[in-house]
């Protein structure tokens, strides 16, 4: 059976699209919502990143920690923020290669916004059996698609709870 290469989920959040985009397009904020991200640092000043900007993210899943180097592939105020993970490693992002891409799309409905978070598995060169074994080890028994589907729901729920109480 071929693996699922992309999953997404959406949620309507009670804030306008530009304000929501400003939060998500600043990766230093992601640790507030993500079940795995523990922080980020950017080479530019604080605030929303632009297309081409690079940032590093720190992550934790159980006892495992890792660092990613990401490049912003699209950043359109109030519309879309997307990036790709281009390097990864346990302490520094030293292993180069296709990993994953993330996108956040915003549909503005005035005082509320539908945000859609999408994860894409960029490990296209991996044979499905190898990916299956790796995924089940690092996610404790799930495919990455199933694992990320749950993480996306958790992230969107935490984002909604956080920004609506401000």
N, C-alpha and C. Protein backbone atom coordinates (compact mmCIF):
# COMPACT_ATOMS: atom_id res chain seq x y z
N UNK A 1 0.84 -1.18 0.00
CA UNK A 1 0.00 0.00 0.00
C UNK A 1 0.88 1.25 0.00
N UNK A 2 0.62 2.16 -0.90
CA UNK A 2 1.38 3.40 -0.99
C UNK A 2 1.09 4.29 0.21
N UNK A 3 2.09 5.01 0.63
CA UNK A 3 1.88 5.87 1.80
C UNK A 3 1.22 7.18 1.39
N UNK A 4 0.53 7.77 2.35
CA UNK A 4 -0.10 9.07 2.16
C UNK A 4 0.98 10.13 2.26
N UNK A 5 1.06 10.98 1.24
CA UNK A 5 2.14 11.96 1.17
C UNK A 5 1.74 13.35 1.64
N UNK A 6 0.45 13.55 1.92
CA UNK A 6 0.01 14.88 2.34
C UNK A 6 -1.25 14.76 3.18
N UNK A 7 -1.29 15.52 4.26
CA UNK A 7 -2.50 15.62 5.09
C UNK A 7 -2.71 17.08 5.46
N UNK A 8 -3.97 17.43 5.67
CA UNK A 8 -4.28 18.79 6.10
C UNK A 8 -5.55 18.78 6.92
N UNK A 9 -5.75 19.87 7.61
CA UNK A 9 -6.96 20.07 8.40
C UNK A 9 -7.19 21.57 8.49
N UNK A 10 -8.43 21.94 8.73
CA UNK A 10 -8.80 23.36 8.80
C UNK A 10 -9.58 23.64 10.07
N UNK A 11 -9.54 24.91 10.46
CA UNK A 11 -10.31 25.35 11.61
C UNK A 11 -10.65 26.83 11.42
N UNK A 12 -11.84 27.20 11.82
CA UNK A 12 -12.24 28.60 11.79
C UNK A 12 -11.86 29.21 13.13
N UNK A 13 -11.14 30.35 13.05
CA UNK A 13 -10.62 31.01 14.24
C UNK A 13 -11.12 32.45 14.25
N UNK A 14 -11.53 32.92 15.40
CA UNK A 14 -12.15 34.23 15.55
C UNK A 14 -11.19 35.39 15.56
N UNK A 15 -10.43 35.56 14.49
CA UNK A 15 -9.52 36.69 14.33
C UNK A 15 -9.36 36.91 12.83
N UNK A 16 -9.04 38.13 12.43
CA UNK A 16 -8.93 38.39 10.99
C UNK A 16 -7.68 37.72 10.42
N UNK A 17 -7.68 37.50 9.12
CA UNK A 17 -6.64 36.72 8.44
C UNK A 17 -5.25 37.33 8.58
N UNK A 18 -5.15 38.64 8.48
CA UNK A 18 -3.83 39.27 8.56
C UNK A 18 -3.23 39.10 9.95
N UNK A 19 -4.04 39.29 10.97
CA UNK A 19 -3.54 39.13 12.34
C UNK A 19 -3.11 37.68 12.59
N UNK A 20 -3.86 36.73 12.07
CA UNK A 20 -3.51 35.33 12.24
C UNK A 20 -2.25 34.99 11.46
N UNK A 21 -2.15 35.47 10.24
CA UNK A 21 -0.95 35.26 9.42
C UNK A 21 0.28 35.82 10.13
N UNK A 22 0.17 37.01 10.72
CA UNK A 22 1.30 37.62 11.42
C UNK A 22 1.84 36.72 12.52
N UNK A 23 0.95 36.02 13.21
CA UNK A 23 1.37 35.10 14.26
C UNK A 23 2.10 33.88 13.67
N UNK A 24 1.49 33.25 12.69
CA UNK A 24 2.04 32.01 12.13
C UNK A 24 3.29 32.28 11.30
N UNK A 25 3.37 33.40 10.63
CA UNK A 25 4.53 33.72 9.80
C UNK A 25 5.75 34.15 10.64
N UNK A 26 5.61 34.10 11.94
CA UNK A 26 6.71 34.33 12.87
C UNK A 26 6.97 32.99 13.58
N UNK A 27 7.88 32.16 13.05
CA UNK A 27 8.07 30.82 13.61
C UNK A 27 8.49 30.79 15.07
N UNK A 28 8.96 31.92 15.61
CA UNK A 28 9.32 31.93 17.03
C UNK A 28 8.08 31.79 17.91
N UNK A 29 6.90 31.93 17.33
CA UNK A 29 5.65 31.79 18.08
C UNK A 29 5.11 30.35 18.11
N UNK A 30 5.58 29.51 17.20
CA UNK A 30 4.99 28.18 16.99
C UNK A 30 5.03 27.29 18.24
N UNK A 31 6.01 27.43 19.08
CA UNK A 31 6.09 26.59 20.28
C UNK A 31 4.87 26.77 21.19
N UNK A 32 4.15 27.87 21.06
CA UNK A 32 2.94 28.10 21.85
C UNK A 32 1.82 27.15 21.46
N UNK A 33 1.86 26.62 20.24
CA UNK A 33 0.74 25.82 19.73
C UNK A 33 1.11 24.39 19.36
N UNK A 34 2.30 24.17 18.87
CA UNK A 34 2.70 22.86 18.34
C UNK A 34 3.00 21.86 19.46
N UNK A 35 2.57 20.61 19.29
CA UNK A 35 2.90 19.60 20.30
C UNK A 35 4.36 19.15 20.23
N UNK A 36 5.09 19.49 19.15
CA UNK A 36 6.48 19.06 19.02
C UNK A 36 7.48 20.21 18.99
N UNK A 37 7.14 21.34 18.44
CA UNK A 37 8.08 22.44 18.32
C UNK A 37 8.33 23.06 19.69
N UNK A 38 9.59 23.26 20.01
CA UNK A 38 9.95 23.85 21.31
C UNK A 38 10.56 25.23 21.17
N UNK A 39 10.71 25.72 19.93
CA UNK A 39 11.25 27.05 19.73
C UNK A 39 11.78 27.22 18.32
N UNK A 40 12.14 28.45 18.01
CA UNK A 40 12.72 28.75 16.70
C UNK A 40 13.57 30.00 16.83
N UNK A 41 14.54 30.10 15.94
CA UNK A 41 15.34 31.31 15.85
C UNK A 41 15.44 31.69 14.38
N UNK A 42 15.49 32.98 14.15
CA UNK A 42 15.55 33.48 12.78
C UNK A 42 16.80 34.34 12.60
N UNK A 43 17.19 34.51 11.36
CA UNK A 43 18.33 35.35 11.04
C UNK A 43 17.91 36.81 10.89
N UNK A 44 16.60 37.02 10.75
CA UNK A 44 16.10 38.38 10.58
C UNK A 44 15.47 38.85 11.89
N UNK A 45 14.97 40.06 11.88
CA UNK A 45 14.34 40.60 13.07
C UNK A 45 13.05 39.85 13.38
N UNK A 46 12.55 40.05 14.57
CA UNK A 46 11.32 39.38 14.98
C UNK A 46 10.15 39.81 14.08
N UNK A 47 9.18 38.95 13.98
CA UNK A 47 8.00 39.26 13.20
C UNK A 47 7.85 38.32 12.03
N UNK A 48 6.86 38.58 11.19
CA UNK A 48 6.60 37.70 10.06
C UNK A 48 7.81 37.60 9.11
N UNK A 49 8.08 36.39 8.68
CA UNK A 49 9.19 36.16 7.75
C UNK A 49 8.73 36.33 6.31
N UNK A 50 9.69 36.62 5.45
CA UNK A 50 9.43 36.80 4.02
C UNK A 50 9.91 35.58 3.26
N UNK A 51 9.44 35.44 2.02
CA UNK A 51 9.90 34.38 1.14
C UNK A 51 11.42 34.44 1.04
N UNK A 52 12.06 33.29 1.22
CA UNK A 52 13.52 33.20 1.17
C UNK A 52 14.20 33.27 2.52
N UNK A 53 13.50 33.75 3.55
CA UNK A 53 14.09 33.79 4.89
C UNK A 53 14.32 32.37 5.40
N UNK A 54 15.33 32.24 6.25
CA UNK A 54 15.71 30.95 6.82
C UNK A 54 15.51 31.01 8.33
N UNK A 55 15.05 29.91 8.91
CA UNK A 55 14.94 29.82 10.36
C UNK A 55 15.29 28.41 10.81
N UNK A 56 15.68 28.29 12.08
CA UNK A 56 15.92 26.99 12.69
C UNK A 56 14.85 26.73 13.72
N UNK A 57 14.36 25.50 13.73
CA UNK A 57 13.36 25.09 14.69
C UNK A 57 13.90 24.00 15.59
N UNK A 58 13.59 24.07 16.87
CA UNK A 58 13.94 22.99 17.80
C UNK A 58 12.68 22.21 18.10
N UNK A 59 12.84 20.89 18.24
CA UNK A 59 11.68 20.01 18.36
C UNK A 59 11.95 18.90 19.36
N UNK A 60 10.85 18.35 19.91
CA UNK A 60 10.94 17.24 20.85
C UNK A 60 9.74 16.31 20.63
N UNK A 61 10.03 15.03 20.61
CA UNK A 61 9.00 13.99 20.60
C UNK A 61 9.45 12.94 21.60
N UNK A 62 8.79 12.89 22.75
CA UNK A 62 9.24 11.99 23.81
C UNK A 62 10.66 12.38 24.21
N UNK A 63 11.58 11.40 24.28
CA UNK A 63 12.95 11.72 24.66
C UNK A 63 13.80 12.26 23.49
N UNK A 64 13.30 12.16 22.27
CA UNK A 64 14.08 12.58 21.10
C UNK A 64 13.96 14.08 20.87
N UNK A 65 15.09 14.70 20.57
CA UNK A 65 15.11 16.11 20.21
C UNK A 65 15.87 16.25 18.89
N UNK A 66 15.50 17.27 18.12
CA UNK A 66 16.19 17.53 16.86
C UNK A 66 16.01 18.98 16.46
N UNK A 67 16.88 19.40 15.55
CA UNK A 67 16.88 20.77 15.05
C UNK A 67 16.70 20.72 13.54
N UNK A 68 15.90 21.63 13.03
CA UNK A 68 15.67 21.71 11.58
C UNK A 68 16.10 23.08 11.06
N UNK A 69 16.55 23.10 9.82
CA UNK A 69 16.77 24.35 9.12
C UNK A 69 15.70 24.43 8.04
N UNK A 70 14.97 25.52 8.04
CA UNK A 70 13.82 25.67 7.15
C UNK A 70 13.97 26.93 6.32
N UNK A 71 13.42 26.90 5.12
CA UNK A 71 13.41 28.08 4.27
C UNK A 71 11.96 28.40 3.91
N UNK A 72 11.60 29.66 4.01
CA UNK A 72 10.25 30.11 3.70
C UNK A 72 10.10 30.10 2.18
N UNK A 73 9.11 29.36 1.69
CA UNK A 73 8.89 29.25 0.25
C UNK A 73 7.80 30.19 -0.25
N UNK A 74 6.95 30.65 0.66
CA UNK A 74 5.90 31.59 0.28
C UNK A 74 5.41 32.31 1.54
N UNK A 75 5.27 33.63 1.42
CA UNK A 75 4.80 34.42 2.55
C UNK A 75 3.99 35.59 2.00
N UNK A 76 2.68 35.44 2.03
CA UNK A 76 1.77 36.44 1.49
C UNK A 76 0.85 36.89 2.63
N UNK A 77 0.97 38.14 3.09
CA UNK A 77 0.18 38.60 4.23
C UNK A 77 -1.31 38.27 4.09
N UNK A 78 -1.82 37.64 5.15
CA UNK A 78 -3.24 37.32 5.21
C UNK A 78 -3.69 36.21 4.29
N UNK A 79 -2.78 35.61 3.53
CA UNK A 79 -3.16 34.59 2.55
C UNK A 79 -2.46 33.25 2.76
N UNK A 80 -1.10 33.28 2.88
CA UNK A 80 -0.37 32.01 2.91
C UNK A 80 1.00 32.19 3.54
N UNK A 81 1.40 31.17 4.30
CA UNK A 81 2.76 31.07 4.81
C UNK A 81 3.18 29.61 4.62
N UNK A 82 4.31 29.40 3.95
CA UNK A 82 4.77 28.03 3.68
C UNK A 82 6.28 27.97 3.80
N UNK A 83 6.76 26.80 4.24
CA UNK A 83 8.20 26.59 4.34
C UNK A 83 8.52 25.12 4.11
N UNK A 84 9.78 24.88 3.80
CA UNK A 84 10.24 23.51 3.63
C UNK A 84 11.41 23.27 4.58
N UNK A 85 11.47 22.06 5.11
CA UNK A 85 12.57 21.63 5.97
C UNK A 85 13.67 21.12 5.04
N UNK A 86 14.82 21.79 5.06
CA UNK A 86 15.88 21.38 4.13
C UNK A 86 17.07 20.71 4.81
N UNK A 87 17.17 20.83 6.12
CA UNK A 87 18.22 20.14 6.88
C UNK A 87 17.65 19.74 8.23
N UNK A 88 18.21 18.68 8.79
CA UNK A 88 17.77 18.18 10.08
C UNK A 88 18.96 17.53 10.78
N UNK A 89 18.92 17.50 12.09
CA UNK A 89 19.97 16.83 12.86
C UNK A 89 19.63 16.82 14.34
N UNK A 90 20.33 15.98 15.11
CA UNK A 90 20.02 15.87 16.54
C UNK A 90 20.38 17.13 17.34
N UNK A 91 21.48 17.81 16.99
CA UNK A 91 21.88 19.03 17.71
C UNK A 91 22.00 20.23 16.78
N UNK A 92 22.38 19.96 15.56
CA UNK A 92 22.46 20.99 14.53
C UNK A 92 21.86 20.42 13.25
N UNK A 93 21.30 21.26 12.42
CA UNK A 93 20.70 20.75 11.18
C UNK A 93 21.77 20.45 10.12
N UNK A 94 22.43 19.29 10.27
CA UNK A 94 23.58 18.99 9.43
C UNK A 94 23.27 18.01 8.29
N UNK A 95 22.17 17.28 8.35
CA UNK A 95 21.82 16.32 7.31
C UNK A 95 20.90 16.98 6.29
N UNK A 96 21.44 17.18 5.09
CA UNK A 96 20.67 17.86 4.04
C UNK A 96 19.83 16.84 3.28
N UNK A 97 18.63 17.25 2.91
CA UNK A 97 17.79 16.38 2.10
C UNK A 97 16.32 16.71 2.27
N UNK A 98 15.54 16.22 1.32
CA UNK A 98 14.10 16.44 1.36
C UNK A 98 13.52 15.78 2.60
N UNK A 99 12.71 16.51 3.32
CA UNK A 99 12.12 16.02 4.56
C UNK A 99 10.62 16.25 4.55
N UNK A 100 10.22 17.50 4.73
CA UNK A 100 8.80 17.83 4.80
C UNK A 100 8.60 19.29 4.44
N UNK A 101 7.39 19.60 4.02
CA UNK A 101 6.98 20.98 3.78
C UNK A 101 5.70 21.24 4.57
N UNK A 102 5.56 22.46 5.00
CA UNK A 102 4.39 22.88 5.77
C UNK A 102 3.80 24.12 5.11
N UNK A 103 2.48 24.21 5.11
CA UNK A 103 1.81 25.39 4.57
C UNK A 103 0.61 25.75 5.43
N UNK A 104 0.37 27.03 5.52
CA UNK A 104 -0.79 27.57 6.23
C UNK A 104 -1.50 28.50 5.26
N UNK A 105 -2.74 28.17 4.93
CA UNK A 105 -3.54 28.98 4.03
C UNK A 105 -4.67 29.61 4.82
N UNK A 106 -4.94 30.88 4.52
CA UNK A 106 -5.91 31.67 5.27
C UNK A 106 -7.04 32.12 4.36
N UNK A 107 -8.27 31.85 4.78
CA UNK A 107 -9.46 32.35 4.08
C UNK A 107 -10.12 33.36 5.00
N UNK A 108 -10.14 34.60 4.56
CA UNK A 108 -10.64 35.71 5.36
C UNK A 108 -12.15 35.83 5.21
N UNK A 109 -12.85 35.73 6.32
CA UNK A 109 -14.31 35.92 6.35
C UNK A 109 -14.67 37.12 7.23
N UNK A 110 -13.82 38.13 7.21
CA UNK A 110 -14.07 39.33 8.02
C UNK A 110 -13.46 39.19 9.39
N UNK A 111 -14.29 38.94 10.39
CA UNK A 111 -13.80 38.84 11.76
C UNK A 111 -13.34 37.44 12.12
N UNK A 112 -13.54 36.49 11.23
CA UNK A 112 -13.05 35.12 11.44
C UNK A 112 -12.27 34.68 10.21
N UNK A 113 -11.43 33.68 10.42
CA UNK A 113 -10.58 33.17 9.35
C UNK A 113 -10.57 31.66 9.40
N UNK A 114 -10.67 31.04 8.24
CA UNK A 114 -10.43 29.60 8.16
C UNK A 114 -8.95 29.43 7.82
N UNK A 115 -8.23 28.76 8.73
CA UNK A 115 -6.82 28.45 8.47
C UNK A 115 -6.72 26.96 8.18
N UNK A 116 -5.97 26.62 7.13
CA UNK A 116 -5.72 25.24 6.77
C UNK A 116 -4.23 24.99 6.89
N UNK A 117 -3.88 24.01 7.72
CA UNK A 117 -2.49 23.61 7.89
C UNK A 117 -2.28 22.33 7.09
N UNK A 118 -1.22 22.30 6.29
CA UNK A 118 -0.92 21.16 5.43
C UNK A 118 0.51 20.70 5.64
N UNK A 119 0.67 19.41 5.83
CA UNK A 119 1.99 18.77 5.91
C UNK A 119 2.15 17.93 4.65
N UNK A 120 3.31 18.06 4.01
CA UNK A 120 3.64 17.25 2.83
C UNK A 120 4.92 16.48 3.10
N UNK A 121 4.86 15.18 2.88
CA UNK A 121 6.03 14.31 3.03
C UNK A 121 6.90 14.48 1.80
N UNK A 122 8.05 15.08 1.96
CA UNK A 122 8.95 15.32 0.84
C UNK A 122 9.97 14.20 0.64
N UNK A 123 9.82 13.11 1.37
CA UNK A 123 10.75 11.98 1.26
C UNK A 123 10.35 11.09 0.08
N UNK A 124 10.20 11.67 -1.06
CA UNK A 124 9.72 10.95 -2.25
C UNK A 124 10.69 9.87 -2.73
N UNK A 125 11.96 10.03 -2.44
CA UNK A 125 12.94 9.05 -2.87
C UNK A 125 13.04 7.83 -1.97
N UNK A 126 12.35 7.87 -0.84
CA UNK A 126 12.39 6.74 0.07
C UNK A 126 11.46 5.64 -0.43
N UNK A 127 11.90 4.40 -0.47
CA UNK A 127 10.98 3.31 -0.80
C UNK A 127 9.91 3.19 0.29
N UNK A 128 8.69 2.88 -0.09
CA UNK A 128 7.59 2.79 0.87
C UNK A 128 7.89 1.84 2.05
N UNK A 129 8.47 0.64 1.82
CA UNK A 129 8.75 -0.23 2.97
C UNK A 129 9.73 0.39 3.97
N UNK A 130 10.76 1.09 3.48
CA UNK A 130 11.71 1.74 4.38
C UNK A 130 11.02 2.86 5.15
N UNK A 131 10.22 3.67 4.47
CA UNK A 131 9.48 4.75 5.13
C UNK A 131 8.53 4.17 6.18
N UNK A 132 7.87 3.07 5.86
CA UNK A 132 6.93 2.44 6.80
C UNK A 132 7.65 2.06 8.09
N UNK A 133 8.80 1.38 7.98
CA UNK A 133 9.55 0.95 9.16
C UNK A 133 10.02 2.17 9.96
N UNK A 134 10.64 3.13 9.29
CA UNK A 134 11.12 4.33 9.96
C UNK A 134 9.97 5.05 10.67
N UNK A 135 8.89 5.28 9.95
CA UNK A 135 7.75 6.01 10.52
C UNK A 135 7.20 5.32 11.75
N UNK A 136 7.05 4.00 11.70
CA UNK A 136 6.48 3.29 12.84
C UNK A 136 7.40 3.28 14.05
N UNK A 137 8.69 3.38 13.81
CA UNK A 137 9.63 3.48 14.94
C UNK A 137 9.54 4.86 15.58
N UNK A 138 9.64 5.92 14.77
CA UNK A 138 9.72 7.27 15.34
C UNK A 138 8.37 7.82 15.80
N UNK A 139 7.27 7.22 15.35
CA UNK A 139 5.95 7.69 15.81
C UNK A 139 5.30 6.69 16.77
N UNK A 140 6.04 5.67 17.13
CA UNK A 140 5.54 4.63 18.05
C UNK A 140 4.30 3.92 17.49
N UNK A 141 4.42 3.49 16.23
CA UNK A 141 3.39 2.62 15.67
C UNK A 141 2.46 3.19 14.63
N UNK A 142 2.66 4.43 14.23
CA UNK A 142 1.76 5.05 13.24
C UNK A 142 2.52 5.38 11.96
N UNK A 143 1.77 5.65 10.92
CA UNK A 143 2.38 6.25 9.73
C UNK A 143 2.61 7.72 10.05
N UNK A 144 3.52 8.36 9.31
CA UNK A 144 3.74 9.79 9.53
C UNK A 144 2.48 10.58 9.19
N UNK A 145 1.76 10.15 8.18
CA UNK A 145 0.53 10.87 7.81
C UNK A 145 -0.47 10.86 8.96
N UNK A 146 -0.69 9.69 9.57
CA UNK A 146 -1.62 9.61 10.70
C UNK A 146 -1.11 10.42 11.89
N UNK A 147 0.18 10.34 12.13
CA UNK A 147 0.80 11.08 13.23
C UNK A 147 0.64 12.58 13.02
N UNK A 148 0.93 13.05 11.80
CA UNK A 148 0.84 14.48 11.52
C UNK A 148 -0.60 14.97 11.51
N UNK A 149 -1.52 14.13 11.09
CA UNK A 149 -2.94 14.51 11.13
C UNK A 149 -3.35 14.87 12.56
N UNK A 150 -2.93 14.07 13.51
CA UNK A 150 -3.23 14.35 14.92
C UNK A 150 -2.49 15.61 15.40
N UNK A 151 -1.22 15.76 15.02
CA UNK A 151 -0.46 16.96 15.42
C UNK A 151 -1.07 18.23 14.84
N UNK A 152 -1.53 18.17 13.60
CA UNK A 152 -2.16 19.35 12.99
C UNK A 152 -3.41 19.74 13.76
N UNK A 153 -4.24 18.76 14.11
CA UNK A 153 -5.46 19.05 14.88
C UNK A 153 -5.09 19.69 16.22
N UNK A 154 -4.09 19.15 16.88
CA UNK A 154 -3.65 19.70 18.17
C UNK A 154 -3.13 21.13 18.01
N UNK A 155 -2.35 21.37 16.97
CA UNK A 155 -1.80 22.70 16.73
C UNK A 155 -2.91 23.71 16.46
N UNK A 156 -3.84 23.36 15.59
CA UNK A 156 -4.92 24.29 15.26
C UNK A 156 -5.81 24.57 16.48
N UNK A 157 -6.06 23.56 17.29
CA UNK A 157 -6.88 23.75 18.49
C UNK A 157 -6.17 24.68 19.47
N UNK A 158 -4.88 24.46 19.69
CA UNK A 158 -4.12 25.32 20.60
C UNK A 158 -4.02 26.75 20.05
N UNK A 159 -3.84 26.89 18.74
CA UNK A 159 -3.80 28.21 18.11
C UNK A 159 -5.11 28.95 18.34
N UNK A 160 -6.21 28.28 18.07
CA UNK A 160 -7.54 28.88 18.26
C UNK A 160 -7.72 29.33 19.71
N UNK A 161 -7.43 28.43 20.66
CA UNK A 161 -7.57 28.76 22.08
C UNK A 161 -6.71 29.96 22.45
N UNK A 162 -5.50 30.01 21.94
CA UNK A 162 -4.55 31.08 22.29
C UNK A 162 -4.98 32.42 21.71
N UNK A 163 -5.23 32.50 20.41
CA UNK A 163 -5.50 33.80 19.81
C UNK A 163 -6.88 34.33 20.12
N UNK A 164 -7.84 33.46 20.38
CA UNK A 164 -9.20 33.94 20.70
C UNK A 164 -9.32 34.48 22.11
N UNK A 165 -8.41 34.12 23.00
CA UNK A 165 -8.50 34.64 24.38
C UNK A 165 -7.74 35.95 24.55
N UNK A 166 -7.03 36.39 23.53
CA UNK A 166 -6.25 37.64 23.62
C UNK A 166 -7.15 38.84 23.48
